[in-house]
Protein backbone atom coordinates (compact mmCIF):
# COMPACT_ATOMS: atom_id res chain seq x y z
CA MET A 1 101.62 195.98 118.60
CA ILE A 2 103.53 197.45 115.94
CA ARG A 3 105.40 200.78 116.31
CA LEU A 4 108.53 202.60 114.70
CA THR A 5 111.66 202.77 116.68
CA GLN A 6 113.16 206.24 116.85
CA ARG A 7 115.69 205.79 113.88
CA GLY A 8 112.23 204.56 112.13
CA ALA A 9 110.73 207.87 112.69
CA LEU A 10 113.67 209.73 112.03
CA VAL A 11 113.94 207.80 108.25
CA LEU A 12 110.41 208.72 107.70
CA GLY A 13 111.00 212.07 108.53
CA ALA A 14 113.73 212.40 106.26
CA ALA A 15 111.47 210.60 103.10
CA ALA A 16 108.65 213.85 103.77
CA VAL A 17 111.55 216.61 103.31
CA PHE A 18 113.01 214.23 100.41
CA PHE A 19 109.33 214.08 98.97
CA GLY A 20 109.08 217.62 99.31
CA THR A 21 112.26 219.01 97.93
CA GLY A 22 111.96 216.38 94.91
CA HIS A 23 108.37 217.62 94.00
CA TRP A 24 109.32 221.55 94.78
CA ALA A 25 112.85 220.69 92.76
CA GLY A 26 111.41 218.42 90.28
CA SER A 27 114.17 215.80 90.90
CA PRO A 28 113.64 212.51 90.54
CA LEU A 29 116.45 211.61 92.81
CA PHE A 30 115.53 213.03 95.73
CA LEU A 31 111.69 211.42 94.57
CA ALA A 32 113.24 208.21 94.59
CA LEU A 33 115.09 209.00 98.15
CA ALA A 34 111.21 209.20 99.41
CA GLY A 35 110.18 206.45 98.01
CA ALA A 36 113.19 204.35 98.87
CA SER A 37 112.97 205.43 102.57
CA VAL A 38 109.09 205.09 102.81
CA GLY A 39 109.63 201.44 101.45
CA ALA A 40 111.94 200.75 103.65
CA VAL A 41 110.41 201.72 107.06
CA ALA A 42 106.94 199.67 105.29
CA ALA A 43 109.28 196.76 105.26
CA ALA A 44 110.50 197.06 108.74
CA LEU A 45 107.12 197.21 109.95
CA THR A 46 106.09 194.01 108.08
CA LEU A 47 109.08 192.06 109.30
CA ALA A 48 108.24 193.14 112.88
CA SER A 49 104.47 192.03 112.72
CA ARG A 50 105.42 188.53 111.68
CA ARG A 51 104.45 185.88 114.44
CA PRO A 52 106.96 183.56 115.10
CA ARG A 53 106.44 180.28 113.52
CA VAL A 54 106.53 178.21 116.62
CA ARG A 55 103.80 176.71 118.88
CA VAL A 56 103.74 176.76 122.55
CA ALA A 57 102.27 174.75 125.22
CA ARG A 58 102.68 175.55 128.76
CA GLU A 59 102.27 173.76 132.42
CA VAL A 60 101.99 175.08 135.88
CA TYR A 61 103.33 173.26 138.90
CA PRO A 62 101.81 172.85 141.22
CA ASP A 63 98.21 175.18 139.60
CA ARG A 64 97.14 175.93 143.25
CA VAL A 65 100.18 177.17 145.69
CA GLU A 66 100.09 178.71 149.26
CA ARG A 67 101.38 182.08 149.00
CA GLY A 68 105.14 182.02 149.39
CA ARG A 69 105.64 178.58 148.73
CA PRO A 70 107.26 177.89 145.41
CA ALA A 71 105.21 177.27 141.84
CA PHE A 72 107.16 176.43 138.78
CA ALA A 73 105.69 176.78 135.06
CA LYS A 74 107.43 174.23 131.98
CA LEU A 75 107.52 176.09 128.72
CA LEU A 76 107.73 174.07 125.54
CA VAL A 77 108.21 175.55 122.29
CA HIS A 78 107.93 173.34 118.89
CA ASN A 79 109.29 174.65 115.49
CA THR A 80 106.49 173.82 113.08
CA VAL A 81 108.37 174.70 110.36
CA GLY A 82 110.82 172.71 108.09
CA ARG A 83 113.76 175.04 108.42
CA ARG A 84 116.53 176.47 111.62
CA GLN A 85 114.66 179.11 113.80
CA ALA A 86 117.06 181.21 115.38
CA GLY A 87 116.54 181.24 119.05
CA PHE A 88 115.21 184.52 120.49
CA ILE A 89 114.23 186.07 124.09
CA ALA A 90 110.96 186.78 125.06
CA GLY A 91 108.86 187.54 128.08
CA ASP A 92 106.24 184.88 129.36
CA ARG A 93 103.33 187.25 131.56
CA VAL A 94 102.82 186.45 135.23
CA GLY A 95 99.67 188.42 136.25
CA THR A 96 100.79 191.62 135.55
CA GLY A 97 104.44 191.20 134.99
CA PHE A 98 106.89 189.22 132.41
CA GLN A 99 109.07 186.51 133.04
CA ALA A 100 112.34 186.80 130.53
CA VAL A 101 112.35 183.50 128.67
CA THR A 102 115.57 182.61 126.42
CA VAL A 103 114.82 180.33 123.77
CA ARG A 104 117.63 178.22 122.08
CA PRO A 105 117.86 177.96 118.47
CA LEU A 106 115.27 175.15 117.08
CA ALA A 107 116.29 172.64 114.84
CA PRO A 108 113.50 172.05 111.93
CA PHE A 109 110.70 170.79 113.63
CA GLY A 110 112.44 170.92 116.76
CA GLN A 111 111.47 171.40 120.75
CA ALA A 112 113.40 173.64 123.11
CA GLU A 113 111.77 173.12 127.00
CA GLN A 114 112.25 176.01 129.45
CA HIS A 115 111.48 176.08 133.51
CA TYR A 116 111.38 178.90 135.05
CA ASP A 117 110.32 180.16 139.12
CA LEU A 118 106.74 181.72 139.39
CA PRO A 119 106.39 184.61 141.99
CA THR A 120 103.45 183.83 144.25
CA ASP A 121 104.42 186.57 146.68
CA ARG A 122 100.96 188.13 146.04
CA ARG A 123 97.31 186.00 146.76
CA GLY A 124 95.14 185.72 143.97
CA ARG A 125 93.92 183.95 140.15
CA HIS A 126 97.11 185.04 138.24
CA GLN A 127 97.00 184.13 134.15
CA VAL A 128 100.51 182.75 132.72
CA GLY A 129 101.14 183.24 129.39
CA PRO A 130 100.90 184.19 126.34
CA LEU A 131 104.52 184.12 125.48
CA THR A 132 105.19 187.68 124.36
CA LEU A 133 107.83 188.71 121.89
CA ASP A 134 109.57 191.79 120.92
CA ARG A 135 110.79 191.88 117.03
CA VAL A 136 112.90 194.34 115.84
CA ASP A 137 113.74 194.24 112.16
CA PRO A 138 117.35 193.88 110.62
CA LEU A 139 117.37 197.81 110.28
CA GLY A 140 116.13 198.42 113.67
CA LEU A 141 113.07 201.04 112.34
CA GLY A 142 110.39 199.17 113.10
CA ARG A 143 109.35 197.11 116.66
CA GLY A 144 106.29 194.59 116.72
CA ARG A 145 105.42 192.74 120.34
CA VAL A 146 103.63 189.75 119.08
CA THR A 147 102.04 186.97 121.38
CA THR A 148 101.57 183.22 120.88
CA GLY A 149 100.96 180.10 122.82
CA GLU A 150 98.08 179.62 125.35
CA THR A 151 97.86 180.55 128.77
CA ALA A 152 97.27 179.26 132.03
CA THR A 153 96.54 180.00 135.61
CA LEU A 154 97.83 179.98 138.58
CA TRP A 155 95.88 179.87 142.16
CA VAL A 156 97.58 181.56 144.90
CA HIS A 157 96.37 180.74 148.05
CA PRO A 158 96.11 181.87 151.29
CA ARG A 159 98.71 181.31 153.65
CA VAL A 160 97.64 178.41 156.05
CA HIS A 161 99.15 178.44 159.63
CA PRO A 162 98.92 175.38 161.83
CA MET A 163 95.65 176.25 163.97
CA ARG A 164 93.11 173.57 165.95
CA ALA A 165 89.84 173.06 164.77
CA LEU A 166 87.14 174.35 167.00
CA SER A 167 84.58 171.46 167.41
CA GLY A 168 81.21 172.51 168.54
CA GLY A 169 77.74 171.02 167.53
CA HIS A 170 74.22 171.09 169.13
CA PRO A 171 72.23 167.85 169.46
CA ARG A 172 69.29 168.09 167.17
CA HIS A 173 66.26 165.56 167.26
CA HIS A 174 66.51 161.88 165.99
CA HIS A 175 65.85 162.03 162.56
CA GLU A 176 64.94 158.97 160.58
CA GLY A 177 64.91 159.82 156.87
CA ALA A 178 65.44 162.93 155.19
CA GLY A 179 63.24 165.35 156.68
CA THR A 180 65.62 167.18 157.74
CA ASP A 181 67.47 170.10 155.81
CA ASP A 182 71.36 169.92 156.38
CA ALA A 183 73.29 167.25 153.81
CA LEU A 184 74.85 165.35 157.15
CA ARG A 185 77.20 162.26 156.52
CA GLY A 186 77.83 160.41 159.48
CA SER A 187 77.44 156.98 161.28
CA PHE A 188 74.39 157.41 163.74
CA ASP A 189 70.84 158.19 162.30
CA LEU A 190 69.51 156.39 158.66
CA ARG A 191 68.61 158.81 156.33
CA GLU A 192 67.91 157.43 153.03
CA VAL A 193 68.70 154.46 150.87
CA ARG A 194 69.72 155.95 147.45
CA GLU A 195 71.61 154.76 144.37
CA TYR A 196 75.32 153.60 144.87
CA THR A 197 77.55 156.84 143.58
CA PHE A 198 81.16 156.58 143.29
CA GLY A 199 83.20 156.96 146.68
CA ASP A 200 80.28 155.24 148.51
CA GLU A 201 81.24 152.67 151.00
CA MET A 202 80.72 149.15 150.55
CA ARG A 203 79.90 148.38 153.55
CA HIS A 204 76.57 150.45 153.37
CA LEU A 205 75.16 148.76 150.61
CA HIS A 206 71.31 147.74 151.16
CA TRP A 207 70.94 144.54 149.39
CA LYS A 208 66.95 144.23 149.70
CA ALA A 209 67.07 147.51 148.08
CA THR A 210 69.31 146.51 145.40
CA ALA A 211 67.70 143.28 144.36
CA ARG A 212 64.56 144.75 144.45
CA THR A 213 65.45 147.84 141.72
CA GLY A 214 68.30 146.15 140.21
CA LYS A 215 70.71 148.91 140.87
CA LEU A 216 73.36 149.56 143.53
CA MET A 217 71.49 150.83 146.48
CA VAL A 218 73.21 151.93 149.84
CA ARG A 219 72.37 153.28 153.17
CA GLU A 220 73.56 156.66 153.55
CA TYR A 221 73.80 158.07 157.54
CA ALA A 222 73.28 160.67 159.23
CA ASP A 223 75.23 162.44 162.31
CA PRO A 224 72.90 164.64 164.79
CA ASP A 225 76.04 165.87 166.63
CA GLN A 226 78.21 166.06 163.57
CA PRO A 227 80.85 169.40 164.58
CA ARG A 228 79.98 172.28 162.41
CA PHE A 229 82.56 175.49 162.24
CA THR A 230 81.51 179.45 160.95
CA ALA A 231 84.27 181.69 160.32
CA LEU A 232 82.69 185.23 160.10
CA LEU A 233 85.84 187.36 158.23
CA ASP A 234 85.37 191.10 158.62
CA THR A 235 85.76 192.59 155.10
CA ARG A 236 85.17 196.45 155.75
CA ARG A 237 87.42 198.41 154.33
CA GLU A 238 87.89 201.13 156.82
CA VAL A 239 88.31 198.23 159.50
CA LEU A 240 90.67 196.06 157.62
CA ASP A 241 93.04 197.26 154.67
CA GLY A 242 96.22 196.52 153.34
CA PRO A 243 98.54 194.27 154.69
CA LEU A 244 96.22 193.59 158.03
CA PHE A 245 93.26 192.51 155.01
CA GLU A 246 95.81 189.82 154.22
CA GLU A 247 96.57 188.44 157.28
CA SER A 248 92.53 188.84 158.37
CA VAL A 249 92.49 186.10 154.96
CA ASP A 250 95.56 184.40 156.41
CA VAL A 251 93.58 183.43 159.65
CA ALA A 252 90.18 182.67 157.73
CA ALA A 253 91.75 180.08 155.62
CA SER A 254 94.08 178.67 158.61
CA LEU A 255 90.61 178.14 160.40
CA VAL A 256 88.49 176.68 157.80
CA ALA A 257 91.33 174.35 156.62
CA ALA A 258 91.83 173.18 160.08
CA ALA A 259 87.80 172.57 160.47
CA ALA A 260 87.23 171.37 156.75
CA GLY A 261 90.47 169.14 157.22
CA ALA A 262 89.12 167.27 160.02
CA GLY A 263 85.67 166.56 158.18
CA HIS A 264 83.43 169.11 159.79
CA ARG A 265 81.01 171.16 158.16
CA CYS A 266 82.04 174.56 157.27
CA ARG A 267 80.43 178.15 156.38
CA LEU A 268 82.55 181.21 155.35
CA VAL A 269 81.05 184.52 155.80
CA THR A 270 81.58 188.04 154.98
CA SER A 271 80.54 191.49 155.99
CA CYS A 272 80.33 192.35 152.27
CA GLY A 273 77.83 189.16 151.50
CA LEU A 274 80.20 185.94 150.79
CA ASP A 275 78.38 183.06 152.26
CA VAL A 276 79.74 179.56 151.07
CA ALA A 277 78.44 176.42 153.10
CA THR A 278 80.41 173.14 152.53
CA ALA A 279 80.81 169.39 153.64
CA GLY A 280 84.04 168.38 154.97
CA GLY A 281 86.74 167.09 153.52
CA PRO A 282 89.62 168.17 150.96
CA SER A 283 87.58 168.97 148.15
CA ALA A 284 85.77 171.60 150.67
CA VAL A 285 89.28 173.12 151.74
CA ARG A 286 89.87 173.80 147.97
CA ARG A 287 87.25 175.31 147.93
CA LEU A 288 87.13 177.75 150.75
CA LEU A 289 90.46 178.69 149.65
CA ASP A 290 89.52 179.26 145.81
CA GLU A 291 86.90 181.71 147.83
CA LEU A 292 89.08 183.09 150.12
CA THR A 293 91.99 183.71 147.17
CA LEU A 294 89.43 185.60 144.84
CA LEU A 295 88.38 187.74 148.39
CA ALA A 296 88.51 191.67 148.53
CA PRO A 297 87.95 194.65 150.92
CA ALA A 298 84.39 195.49 150.41
CA PRO A 299 84.25 198.94 149.21
CA GLY A 300 84.29 202.09 151.32
CA VAL A 301 80.44 201.88 152.12
CA SER A 302 78.63 201.43 155.45
CA LEU A 303 78.19 197.52 156.30
CA PRO A 304 77.27 195.93 159.88
CA LEU A 305 79.95 193.30 160.72
CA VAL A 306 77.24 190.74 161.44
CA PRO A 307 75.82 190.35 157.69
CA GLY A 308 71.12 189.47 157.95
CA PRO A 309 71.77 185.57 157.03
CA LEU A 310 74.25 184.81 160.09
CA SER A 311 72.08 186.86 162.81
CA ARG A 312 69.52 184.05 162.04
CA ALA A 313 71.78 181.03 162.19
CA GLY A 314 73.39 178.63 164.53
CA GLY A 315 74.67 176.04 165.76
CA GLY A 316 78.29 174.56 166.06
CA GLY A 317 81.48 177.10 166.72
CA LEU A 318 81.80 180.46 165.29
CA ALA A 319 85.24 182.45 165.13
CA VAL A 320 85.23 186.00 164.04
CA ILE A 321 88.04 187.55 162.53
CA THR A 322 88.39 191.49 162.72
CA ALA A 323 90.71 194.59 163.87
CA ALA A 324 88.43 196.50 165.62
CA THR A 325 85.07 196.23 167.59
CA SER A 326 83.16 198.78 168.09
CA PRO A 327 79.93 199.23 170.60
CA ALA A 328 77.85 198.17 167.90
CA ASP A 329 79.84 195.61 166.81
CA ARG A 330 80.43 193.94 170.31
CA ALA A 331 76.66 194.43 170.45
CA SER A 332 75.90 192.02 167.39
CA LEU A 333 78.29 189.26 168.43
CA ALA A 334 76.56 189.16 171.77
CA ALA A 335 73.43 188.86 170.21
CA LEU A 336 75.25 185.34 168.39
CA ARG A 337 76.40 183.93 171.81
CA SER A 338 72.86 181.62 172.67
CA ARG A 339 73.24 180.32 169.09
CA TYR A 340 76.73 178.82 168.99
CA SER A 341 77.62 176.18 171.44
CA ALA A 342 81.89 177.55 170.67
CA PHE A 343 82.49 181.37 170.38
CA VAL A 344 85.80 183.11 169.81
CA VAL A 345 86.66 186.59 168.33
CA VAL A 346 90.06 186.85 166.73
CA VAL A 347 91.04 190.69 167.13
CA LEU A 348 94.48 191.62 164.38
CA GLY A 349 96.61 194.62 164.76
CA GLY A 350 97.86 194.91 168.02
CA ALA A 351 94.95 197.21 169.24
CA VAL A 352 93.70 196.83 172.84
CA ALA A 353 90.80 194.18 172.35
CA GLN A 354 87.70 194.79 174.03
CA ALA A 355 85.52 192.25 175.76
CA VAL A 356 82.66 190.47 173.76
CA PRO A 357 80.17 188.90 176.04
CA GLY A 358 80.37 185.42 175.97
CA ALA A 359 83.41 185.06 173.97
CA LYS A 360 86.89 184.14 173.87
CA VAL A 361 88.80 187.39 172.79
CA VAL A 362 92.43 186.72 170.88
CA PRO A 363 94.36 189.62 170.21
CA ALA A 364 97.25 189.30 167.85
CA VAL A 365 99.22 191.34 166.08
CA ASP A 366 99.29 189.24 162.48
CA ALA A 367 98.30 185.95 161.60
CA ALA A 368 101.10 183.89 162.46
CA ASP A 369 100.64 185.52 166.38
CA ALA A 370 97.08 184.42 165.99
CA ALA A 371 97.52 180.85 165.49
CA LYS A 372 99.98 180.76 168.68
CA ARG A 373 97.56 182.26 170.46
CA TRP A 374 94.78 180.32 169.22
CA ASN A 375 96.20 176.85 169.94
CA VAL A 376 96.57 177.92 173.54
CA VAL A 377 93.18 179.02 174.25
CA VAL A 378 91.17 176.53 172.06
CA PRO A 379 91.72 172.85 173.63
CA ARG A 380 92.57 169.74 171.89
């Protein structure tokens, strides 16, 4: 973006006056002054629009960080020409703001390295970069903003509080073979014999199938009683909005991180229609936290607390995170009780929590308070 400074606008206005006076009076002097003024402004805008002859590389570490935790950027600025370049002050775009970056003078083909903190006070997926440089010509007539370099992405995850995993599982029929729809991993029943993939345990190798097929084959087992956990997050704007919504996202993140980190199958459901099912493990934790990072309150429309797919599901433990339970909400939650072996409702905001038939109700002011009360109610 290139524009005139206030001084440049005055010079351009003076050029118009000189041209009019010279044309009216037939004076070559005023016409020459008008031409010189216009030429100076044109030269200033050309200089201000020149892109710096540098190559910019950027690293963000870590690329995923919990809200409020430190994150950093390393900026490498490389002079791509064989002459010295003067230092400059630039701004590195971070989300919707700018981080001032001072780049020292660069020797021919030299390189400068800068480190700076990244803001992590706001949950979300934030773009870092490109480098933005405001250039002003020596006479101060024009100003140009040019950008250079690549961008990086910083994921600011919700805050995760230490919370116990809610364990629960309904025993299911013994299944020999792959006849069930659940892709469970466990150690009790033989599910199938399949080709080896990286990460499989070598003790599960099936040597007869390997000899017969000429490929490494492994036994895959399933545990009919494998713990499962479902988190239902109320995303209705009329119930949760602003800081209270952020607290509710922190509670949901803490619960799914605890359950998936313990190896439980997890399902994250929201009132606005998000429905993510994962197996346990670190990759599941990362995926669930990524989903919660991008989550926003639902538009101002009337939505039920319990979405349709969840009302037809069941098994394992269920935790509901909300800030209010109307009679209709309590009725829809009570209808879920028979489908789950463990059922807890977390009510945020400090309001008086109404009883939900068949569920443990945990009233809390915020996410930190909810974590403390949850660890008292939920057994080890």
